[in-house]
Amino acid sequence: QDSAPDSAMHRVCRFRPSDHHPHRPYAVEGSTVSGPEDGRRPAGKLTLDAVHFGANQELLFDGSKDVILKVVRDRCDVTVASFGDPRAGKSYTLTGSFSNREAHGLVPRTVHALVEN
């Protein structure tokens, strides 16, 4: 089943290889990610607005901030979700490290950008 982006929902994906689990054979072609059935999930594909490979926190935010800030400024609801293998960096992507500004995640960077502008 293909799920394509529409104007009401924006999907951005960050691929970070996991050292803790065997590589899952995801296929990425342009902005479409496909995954095989693995016993827990059915095979499927998802079309995204952007795909980032191994991006650091700053590059990930820079690639997502225009959409996030526009939606917030337009007073729309925003949901940022993170999913993946255990210990793959889901929480780090969202929050990062509060003690190091360069390592801030999407949430603190978004709040900071809203306050600055």
Foldseek 3Di string as FASTA:
>chain_A
DEDEDDPVDAFEEEDFDDPVDPDFPWDDDAQKIWGPDDPPDHTDIYGHPYYHYPDAQVVSCVVCVVVVLVCVVVVHDDDDAFDDDPPRCRVQQAAFDPVDPSSGHNVVVNVVVVVVD
